[in-house]
Amino acid sequence: MISRDSNEVGGRTLGSATYHGTTTVGLVCADGVVLATDTRVTAGGFIAHKRGKKLLKIDDNIAMTISGGVADAQNVVDILKYQTSLYRIERGRQMPVKAAAQVVSNVLFSSRLYPFIADVLVGGVDPKGGSIFNVDFFGSINQERVVSTGSGSPVAYGILESEYKEGMPAAKAYPLAAKAIIAATRRNVATGDHFDVAVLDQSGFREIPEQEKDRLLQQFKSND
């Protein structure tokens, strides 16, 4: 996740500065989906914020994780929130997760000549069950069962690929997502400080409270 400074315009890097960082995770589980992110916001080697919000509720059944340029990613979030609200008002039901991912894809593809620098996960539940889609800054869209993005993703994948099991319940999936993020914070300099985790199921969107996150942090520290 990168913040704006004097060397960056519209989420795009100018000059010799290189912007990178963040780790996001998405898991499809038996009763919904789990999304998790770290909270560090960086600009090159500078830590611009320690508690940036990269996991955002879109509707009761849909959430997003964001990485890339802060303003670019937040603009995409605002567009999707508007479209899901409009869909619910006009049709009297929530937008399907795949349709929400397609909206994001259309936005990013339409600006591909001067792209939004944003790589996002769109996840949620609808009558077809839980699903997660990864959309890159050119609008390419891929449906995933287990996925990680960002500079810390190689570390996160090491945890996920060894411990993720198809059909695992959310109660076991969210600690796994947290473990993957925590591992990335220890091995990737642009990932860090803390993490956010949320579960989406038929009951809606809920974030894991701070007390539970602190317990998970202590648990995985003690396992080192």
C-alpha atoms as a PDB file:
ATOM      1  CA  MET A   1       0.000   0.000   0.000  1.00  0.00           C
ATOM      2  CA  ILE A   2       1.502   3.334  -0.964  1.00  0.00           C
ATOM      3  CA  SER A   3       0.709   6.888   0.041  1.00  0.00           C
ATOM      4  CA  ARG A   4       1.026  10.035  -1.986  1.00  0.00           C
ATOM      5  CA  ASP A   5       4.032  12.317  -1.758  1.00  0.00           C
ATOM      6  CA  SER A   6       5.783  14.850  -3.961  1.00  0.00           C
ATOM      7  CA  ASN A   7       7.157  12.138  -6.262  1.00  0.00           C
ATOM      8  CA  GLU A   8       3.823  10.539  -6.998  1.00  0.00           C
ATOM      9  CA  VAL A   9       0.934  11.823  -9.086  1.00  0.00           C
ATOM     10  CA  GLY A  10      -2.432  10.075  -9.288  1.00  0.00           C
ATOM     11  CA  GLY A  11      -1.043   6.925  -7.707  1.00  0.00           C
ATOM     12  CA  ARG A  12       1.700   6.645 -10.329  1.00  0.00           C
ATOM     13  CA  THR A  13       5.426   6.673  -9.664  1.00  0.00           C
ATOM     14  CA  LEU A  14       7.554   9.428 -11.145  1.00  0.00           C
ATOM     15  CA  GLY A  15      11.325   9.810 -11.112  1.00  0.00           C
ATOM     16  CA  SER A  16      13.479   7.152  -9.495  1.00  0.00           C
ATOM     17  CA  ALA A  17      11.229   6.446  -6.463  1.00  0.00           C
ATOM     18  CA  THR A  18       9.846   2.927  -6.216  1.00  0.00           C
ATOM     19  CA  TYR A  19       6.604   2.245  -4.329  1.00  0.00           C
ATOM     20  CA  HIS A  20       5.629  -1.164  -3.079  1.00  0.00           C
ATOM     21  CA  GLY A  21       4.268  -3.047  -0.129  1.00  0.00           C
ATOM     22  CA  THR A  22       1.310  -4.621   1.627  1.00  0.00           C
ATOM     23  CA  THR A  23      -0.016  -8.124   2.126  1.00  0.00           C
ATOM     24  CA  THR A  24      -3.625  -9.183   1.656  1.00  0.00           C
ATOM     25  CA  VAL A  25      -5.194 -12.631   1.997  1.00  0.00           C
ATOM     26  CA  GLY A  26      -8.506 -14.136   0.923  1.00  0.00           C
ATOM     27  CA  LEU A  27      -9.910 -17.587   1.745  1.00  0.00           C
ATOM     28  CA  VAL A  28     -13.135 -19.267   0.675  1.00  0.00           C
ATOM     29  CA  CYS A  29     -14.482 -21.433   3.495  1.00  0.00           C
ATOM     30  CA  ALA A  30     -17.472 -23.705   4.017  1.00  0.00           C
ATOM     31  CA  ASP A  31     -19.722 -20.992   5.429  1.00  0.00           C
ATOM     32  CA  GLY A  32     -18.459 -17.871   3.632  1.00  0.00           C
ATOM     33  CA  VAL A  33     -15.193 -16.065   3.008  1.00  0.00           C
ATOM     34  CA  VAL A  34     -12.388 -14.586   5.093  1.00  0.00           C
ATOM     35  CA  LEU A  35     -10.369 -11.504   4.124  1.00  0.00           C
ATOM     36  CA  ALA A  36      -7.298 -10.178   5.923  1.00  0.00           C
ATOM     37  CA  THR A  37      -4.695  -7.432   5.433  1.00  0.00           C
ATOM     38  CA  ASP A  38      -1.779  -5.828   7.189  1.00  0.00           C
ATOM     39  CA  THR A  39      -2.049  -2.143   8.139  1.00  0.00           C
ATOM     40  CA  ARG A  40       1.272  -0.551   7.102  1.00  0.00           C
ATOM     41  CA  VAL A  41       1.171   2.230   4.502  1.00  0.00           C
ATOM     42  CA  THR A  42       4.493   2.947   2.826  1.00  0.00           C
ATOM     43  CA  ALA A  43       6.023   5.435   0.395  1.00  0.00           C
ATOM     44  CA  GLY A  44       9.294   3.926  -0.740  1.00  0.00           C
ATOM     45  CA  GLY A  45      11.221   3.243   2.458  1.00  0.00           C
ATOM     46  CA  PHE A  46       9.094   5.661   4.476  1.00  0.00           C
ATOM     47  CA  ILE A  47       6.317   4.320   6.719  1.00  0.00           C
ATOM     48  CA  ALA A  48       3.542   6.854   6.129  1.00  0.00           C
ATOM     49  CA  HIS A  49       0.973   5.259   8.451  1.00  0.00           C
ATOM     50  CA  LYS A  50       0.988   2.279  10.813  1.00  0.00           C
ATOM     51  CA  ARG A  51      -2.760   1.654  10.928  1.00  0.00           C
ATOM     52  CA  GLY A  52      -4.015   2.191   7.385  1.00  0.00           C
ATOM     53  CA  LYS A  53      -7.376   0.618   6.545  1.00  0.00           C
ATOM     54  CA  LYS A  54      -7.045  -1.817   3.636  1.00  0.00           C
ATOM     55  CA  LEU A  55     -10.046  -4.049   4.374  1.00  0.00           C
ATOM     56  CA  LEU A  56     -13.283  -2.237   3.577  1.00  0.00           C
ATOM     57  CA  LYS A  57     -16.947  -3.171   3.769  1.00  0.00           C
ATOM     58  CA  ILE A  58     -18.813  -2.521   0.515  1.00  0.00           C
ATOM     59  CA  ASP A  59     -22.234  -3.940   1.435  1.00  0.00           C
ATOM     60  CA  ASP A  60     -23.539  -6.406   4.006  1.00  0.00           C
ATOM     61  CA  ASN A  61     -22.481  -9.275   1.719  1.00  0.00           C
ATOM     62  CA  ILE A  62     -19.366  -7.843   0.004  1.00  0.00           C
ATOM     63  CA  ALA A  63     -15.979  -6.501   1.128  1.00  0.00           C
ATOM     64  CA  MET A  64     -12.701  -5.544  -0.565  1.00  0.00           C
ATOM     65  CA  THR A  65      -9.033  -5.544   0.232  1.00  0.00           C
ATOM     66  CA  ILE A  66      -6.918  -2.896  -1.464  1.00  0.00           C
ATOM     67  CA  SER A  67      -3.274  -2.495  -2.352  1.00  0.00           C
ATOM     68  CA  GLY A  68      -1.477  -0.024  -4.572  1.00  0.00           C
ATOM     69  CA  GLY A  69      -1.959   3.744  -4.631  1.00  0.00           C
ATOM     70  CA  VAL A  70      -4.100   4.915  -1.717  1.00  0.00           C
ATOM     71  CA  ALA A  71      -6.170   7.478  -3.610  1.00  0.00           C
ATOM     72  CA  ASP A  72      -6.568   5.223  -6.653  1.00  0.00           C
ATOM     73  CA  ALA A  73      -7.728   2.261  -4.576  1.00  0.00           C
ATOM     74  CA  GLN A  74     -10.110   4.362  -2.487  1.00  0.00           C
ATOM     75  CA  ASN A  75     -11.624   5.799  -5.659  1.00  0.00           C
ATOM     76  CA  VAL A  76     -12.374   2.266  -6.884  1.00  0.00           C
ATOM     77  CA  VAL A  77     -13.936   1.460  -3.492  1.00  0.00           C
ATOM     78  CA  ASP A  78     -16.184   4.533  -3.694  1.00  0.00           C
ATOM     79  CA  ILE A  79     -17.357   3.604  -7.193  1.00  0.00           C
ATOM     80  CA  LEU A  80     -18.196   0.051  -6.124  1.00  0.00           C
ATOM     81  CA  LYS A  81     -20.064   1.262  -3.020  1.00  0.00           C
ATOM     82  CA  TYR A  82     -22.159   3.536  -5.219  1.00  0.00           C
ATOM     83  CA  GLN A  83     -22.922   0.783  -7.726  1.00  0.00           C
ATOM     84  CA  THR A  84     -23.866  -1.807  -5.079  1.00  0.00           C
ATOM     85  CA  SER A  85     -26.170   0.704  -3.362  1.00  0.00           C
ATOM     86  CA  LEU A  86     -27.800   1.604  -6.671  1.00  0.00           C
ATOM     87  CA  TYR A  87     -28.243  -2.088  -7.513  1.00  0.00           C
ATOM     88  CA  ARG A  88     -29.925  -2.767  -4.152  1.00  0.00           C
ATOM     89  CA  ILE A  89     -32.277   0.226  -4.510  1.00  0.00           C
ATOM     90  CA  GLU A  90     -33.289  -0.577  -8.104  1.00  0.00           C
ATOM     91  CA  ARG A  91     -33.606  -4.362  -7.765  1.00  0.00           C
ATOM     92  CA  GLY A  92     -34.442  -4.829  -4.122  1.00  0.00           C
ATOM     93  CA  ARG A  93     -31.623  -7.293  -3.501  1.00  0.00           C
ATOM     94  CA  GLN A  94     -27.883  -7.320  -2.948  1.00  0.00           C
ATOM     95  CA  MET A  95     -25.476  -7.353  -5.864  1.00  0.00           C
ATOM     96  CA  PRO A  96     -23.907 -10.794  -6.531  1.00  0.00           C
ATOM     97  CA  VAL A  97     -20.204 -11.019  -5.721  1.00  0.00           C
ATOM     98  CA  LYS A  98     -19.214 -11.811  -9.305  1.00  0.00           C
ATOM     99  CA  ALA A  99     -21.118  -8.767 -10.571  1.00  0.00           C
ATOM    100  CA  ALA A 100     -19.315  -6.567  -8.027  1.00  0.00           C
ATOM    101  CA  ALA A 101     -15.957  -7.918  -9.211  1.00  0.00           C
ATOM    102  CA  GLN A 102     -16.992  -7.225 -12.813  1.00  0.00           C
ATOM    103  CA  VAL A 103     -17.804  -3.610 -11.909  1.00  0.00           C
ATOM    104  CA  VAL A 104     -14.281  -3.212 -10.527  1.00  0.00           C
ATOM    105  CA  SER A 105     -12.837  -4.905 -13.608  1.00  0.00           C
ATOM    106  CA  ASN A 106     -14.755  -2.543 -15.905  1.00  0.00           C
ATOM    107  CA  VAL A 107     -13.542   0.522 -13.992  1.00  0.00           C
ATOM    108  CA  LEU A 108      -9.904  -0.558 -14.108  1.00  0.00           C
ATOM    109  CA  PHE A 109     -10.020  -1.744 -17.729  1.00  0.00           C
ATOM    110  CA  SER A 110     -11.632   1.513 -18.896  1.00  0.00           C
ATOM    111  CA  SER A 111      -8.716   3.512 -17.459  1.00  0.00           C
ATOM    112  CA  ARG A 112      -5.969   1.150 -18.676  1.00  0.00           C
ATOM    113  CA  LEU A 113      -4.203   3.835 -20.771  1.00  0.00           C
ATOM    114  CA  TYR A 114      -3.659   5.872 -17.599  1.00  0.00           C
ATOM    115  CA  PRO A 115      -4.366   3.163 -15.035  1.00  0.00           C
ATOM    116  CA  PHE A 116      -5.473   3.226 -11.466  1.00  0.00           C
ATOM    117  CA  ILE A 117      -2.614   1.618  -9.539  1.00  0.00           C
ATOM    118  CA  ALA A 118      -4.751  -0.780  -7.529  1.00  0.00           C
ATOM    119  CA  ASP A 119      -4.761  -4.541  -7.050  1.00  0.00           C
ATOM    120  CA  VAL A 120      -7.851  -5.663  -5.152  1.00  0.00           C
ATOM    121  CA  LEU A 121      -9.650  -8.685  -3.787  1.00  0.00           C
ATOM    122  CA  VAL A 122     -13.444  -8.631  -3.953  1.00  0.00           C
ATOM    123  CA  GLY A 123     -15.045 -11.238  -1.713  1.00  0.00           C
ATOM    124  CA  GLY A 124     -18.416 -12.039  -0.260  1.00  0.00           C
ATOM    125  CA  VAL A 125     -21.464 -14.275  -0.163  1.00  0.00           C
ATOM    126  CA  ASP A 126     -24.618 -14.489  -2.267  1.00  0.00           C
ATOM    127  CA  PRO A 127     -27.163 -17.232  -3.074  1.00  0.00           C
ATOM    128  CA  LYS A 128     -24.389 -19.193  -4.846  1.00  0.00           C
ATOM    129  CA  GLY A 129     -22.216 -19.225  -1.696  1.00  0.00           C
ATOM    130  CA  GLY A 130     -18.897 -17.593  -0.902  1.00  0.00           C
ATOM    131  CA  SER A 131     -16.487 -16.424  -3.605  1.00  0.00           C
ATOM    132  CA  ILE A 132     -13.379 -14.271  -4.008  1.00  0.00           C
ATOM    133  CA  PHE A 133     -12.094 -12.496  -7.115  1.00  0.00           C
ATOM    134  CA  ASN A 134      -8.676 -10.938  -7.676  1.00  0.00           C
ATOM    135  CA  VAL A 135      -8.722  -7.907 -10.018  1.00  0.00           C
ATOM    136  CA  ASP A 136      -5.457  -6.275 -11.121  1.00  0.00           C
ATOM    137  CA  PHE A 137      -4.894  -2.713 -12.302  1.00  0.00           C
ATOM    138  CA  PHE A 138      -5.559  -3.609 -15.973  1.00  0.00           C
ATOM    139  CA  GLY A 139      -8.930  -5.122 -15.070  1.00  0.00           C
ATOM    140  CA  SER A 140      -7.928  -8.775 -15.374  1.00  0.00           C
ATOM    141  CA  ILE A 141     -10.201 -10.834 -13.143  1.00  0.00           C
ATOM    142  CA  ASN A 142      -9.581 -14.267 -11.628  1.00  0.00           C
ATOM    143  CA  GLN A 143     -11.739 -16.282  -9.266  1.00  0.00           C
ATOM    144  CA  GLU A 144      -9.742 -17.796  -6.403  1.00  0.00           C
ATOM    145  CA  ARG A 145     -10.240 -20.180  -3.478  1.00  0.00           C
ATOM    146  CA  VAL A 146      -7.105 -19.117  -1.622  1.00  0.00           C
ATOM    147  CA  VAL A 147      -5.159 -16.015  -2.651  1.00  0.00           C
ATOM    148  CA  SER A 148      -2.638 -13.466  -1.427  1.00  0.00           C
ATOM    149  CA  THR A 149      -1.455 -10.224  -3.024  1.00  0.00           C
ATOM    150  CA  GLY A 150       1.289  -7.714  -2.327  1.00  0.00           C
ATOM    151  CA  SER A 151       5.002  -7.806  -1.611  1.00  0.00           C
ATOM    152  CA  GLY A 152       4.513 -10.101   1.390  1.00  0.00           C
ATOM    153  CA  SER A 153       2.446 -12.640  -0.566  1.00  0.00           C
ATOM    154  CA  PRO A 154       5.290 -15.178  -1.067  1.00  0.00           C
ATOM    155  CA  VAL A 155       5.578 -15.524   2.711  1.00  0.00           C
ATOM    156  CA  ALA A 156       1.794 -15.655   3.150  1.00  0.00           C
ATOM    157  CA  TYR A 157       1.478 -18.363   0.475  1.00  0.00           C
ATOM    158  CA  GLY A 158       3.998 -20.473   2.379  1.00  0.00           C
ATOM    159  CA  ILE A 159       1.537 -20.592   5.297  1.00  0.00           C
ATOM    160  CA  LEU A 160      -1.640 -20.855   3.240  1.00  0.00           C
ATOM    161  CA  GLU A 161      -0.544 -23.643   0.912  1.00  0.00           C
ATOM    162  CA  SER A 162       0.600 -25.827   3.795  1.00  0.00           C
ATOM    163  CA  GLU A 163      -2.427 -25.315   6.068  1.00  0.00           C
ATOM    164  CA  TYR A 164      -5.461 -24.342   3.968  1.00  0.00           C
ATOM    165  CA  LYS A 165      -8.012 -27.124   3.503  1.00  0.00           C
ATOM    166  CA  GLU A 166     -10.949 -27.037   1.107  1.00  0.00           C
ATOM    167  CA  GLY A 167     -14.219 -26.649   3.002  1.00  0.00           C
ATOM    168  CA  MET A 168     -12.688 -25.530   6.293  1.00  0.00           C
ATOM    169  CA  PRO A 169     -15.099 -23.470   8.472  1.00  0.00           C
ATOM    170  CA  ALA A 170     -14.651 -19.741   8.994  1.00  0.00           C
ATOM    171  CA  ALA A 171     -13.810 -20.385  12.649  1.00  0.00           C
ATOM    172  CA  LYS A 172     -10.600 -22.081  11.485  1.00  0.00           C
ATOM    173  CA  ALA A 173     -10.047 -19.993   8.356  1.00  0.00           C
ATOM    174  CA  TYR A 174      -9.765 -16.589  10.007  1.00  0.00           C
ATOM    175  CA  PRO A 175      -6.942 -17.649  12.391  1.00  0.00           C
ATOM    176  CA  LEU A 176      -5.123 -19.084   9.362  1.00  0.00           C
ATOM    177  CA  ALA A 177      -5.514 -15.816   7.446  1.00  0.00           C
ATOM    178  CA  ALA A 178      -4.203 -13.928  10.479  1.00  0.00           C
ATOM    179  CA  LYS A 179      -1.249 -16.303  10.774  1.00  0.00           C
ATOM    180  CA  ALA A 180      -0.330 -15.706   7.124  1.00  0.00           C
ATOM    181  CA  ILE A 181      -0.415 -11.918   7.579  1.00  0.00           C
ATOM    182  CA  ILE A 182       1.571 -12.072  10.819  1.00  0.00           C
ATOM    183  CA  ALA A 183       4.237 -14.224   9.115  1.00  0.00           C
ATOM    184  CA  ALA A 184       4.500 -11.672   6.294  1.00  0.00           C
ATOM    185  CA  THR A 185       4.975  -8.812   8.775  1.00  0.00           C
ATOM    186  CA  ARG A 186       8.093 -10.580  10.090  1.00  0.00           C
ATOM    187  CA  ARG A 187       9.699 -11.272   6.720  1.00  0.00           C
ATOM    188  CA  ASN A 188       8.650  -8.357   4.493  1.00  0.00           C
ATOM    189  CA  VAL A 189       9.751  -4.828   5.382  1.00  0.00           C
ATOM    190  CA  ALA A 190       6.780  -3.183   3.612  1.00  0.00           C
ATOM    191  CA  THR A 191       4.265  -5.287   5.550  1.00  0.00           C
ATOM    192  CA  GLY A 192       3.674  -4.627   9.169  1.00  0.00           C
ATOM    193  CA  ASP A 193       2.498  -3.052  12.372  1.00  0.00           C
ATOM    194  CA  HIS A 194      -0.874  -4.814  12.751  1.00  0.00           C
ATOM    195  CA  PHE A 195      -3.584  -6.637  10.808  1.00  0.00           C
ATOM    196  CA  ASP A 196      -7.332  -6.642  10.107  1.00  0.00           C
ATOM    197  CA  VAL A 197      -9.475  -9.743   9.551  1.00  0.00           C
ATOM    198  CA  ALA A 198     -13.135 -10.018   8.537  1.00  0.00           C
ATOM    199  CA  VAL A 199     -15.594 -12.849   7.962  1.00  0.00           C
ATOM    200  CA  LEU A 200     -18.490 -12.638   5.507  1.00  0.00           C
ATOM    201  CA  ASP A 201     -21.227 -15.259   5.772  1.00  0.00           C
ATOM    202  CA  GLN A 202     -25.010 -15.470   5.615  1.00  0.00           C
ATOM    203  CA  SER A 203     -25.181 -13.307   8.761  1.00  0.00           C
ATOM    204  CA  GLY A 204     -23.335 -10.486   7.000  1.00  0.00           C
ATOM    205  CA  PHE A 205     -19.991  -8.745   7.450  1.00  0.00           C
ATOM    206  CA  ARG A 206     -18.139  -8.806  10.753  1.00  0.00           C
ATOM    207  CA  GLU A 207     -14.609  -7.784  11.643  1.00  0.00           C
ATOM    208  CA  ILE A 208     -12.653  -9.765  14.190  1.00  0.00           C
ATOM    209  CA  PRO A 209     -12.416  -7.559  17.343  1.00  0.00           C
ATOM    210  CA  GLU A 210      -9.151  -6.170  18.669  1.00  0.00           C
ATOM    211  CA  GLN A 211      -9.160  -8.464  21.697  1.00  0.00           C
ATOM    212  CA  GLU A 212      -9.282 -11.554  19.470  1.00  0.00           C
ATOM    213  CA  LYS A 213      -6.591 -10.148  17.166  1.00  0.00           C
ATOM    214  CA  ASP A 214      -4.337  -9.551  20.160  1.00  0.00           C
ATOM    215  CA  ARG A 215      -4.928 -13.155  21.265  1.00  0.00           C
ATOM    216  CA  LEU A 216      -3.984 -14.451  17.808  1.00  0.00           C
ATOM    217  CA  LEU A 217      -0.896 -12.259  17.741  1.00  0.00           C
ATOM    218  CA  GLN A 218       0.274 -13.657  21.065  1.00  0.00           C
ATOM    219  CA  GLN A 219      -0.567 -17.219  20.016  1.00  0.00           C
ATOM    220  CA  PHE A 220       1.486 -17.104  16.844  1.00  0.00           C
ATOM    221  CA  LYS A 221       4.338 -15.287  18.574  1.00  0.00           C
ATOM    222  CA  SER A 222       4.520 -18.062  21.163  1.00  0.00           C
ATOM    223  CA  ASN A 223       4.677 -20.664  18.391  1.00  0.00           C
ATOM    224  CA  ASP A 224       7.882 -19.210  16.900  1.00  0.00           C
END
